[in-house]
Amino acid sequence: MPQITVDYSADLADDFDRPGFAKALHEATVEIAAARPPACKTRFRRTEDIVVGPETGGHSHVHVHFALLPGRTEETKARLTEATLELLRTHVKAAEGRALHASAEVRELDASYRKFES
């Protein structure tokens, strides 16, 4: 915990500093949501196809999903998503003429969540 998943448009592959973003995001998550540094895990999923509204081109997209153990306040969750959007502004550059759509959400892990480390 936390489990962080970042979906991003394929056209951003060369213009998204994913390692830098993950490092900064982990630091923010530790500071804002009281996570332990070694517990922060981020995976990136490249999305080949994106359609925004009626258009099939001219748009790039990044969405960050956080899954945290229960207990954070709504204020903490909002601070984390705002910090995430700010970090995206500094780590992602959409190509000239493309609109960048960035979003983030925090949800709580279900009571069934289990993990192991070996």
Foldseek 3Di string as FASTA:
>chain_A
DWEKEKEKEPQQVVFFPVVVLQVVLLVVCCVLVVDDSVVDDYDYDYDHFDDDPPDGDQEIEMEMEIEAADDDDPVSFVSSFVVSVVSRVVGTDHPPRHYYYYGYGYDYDDPPDDDDDD
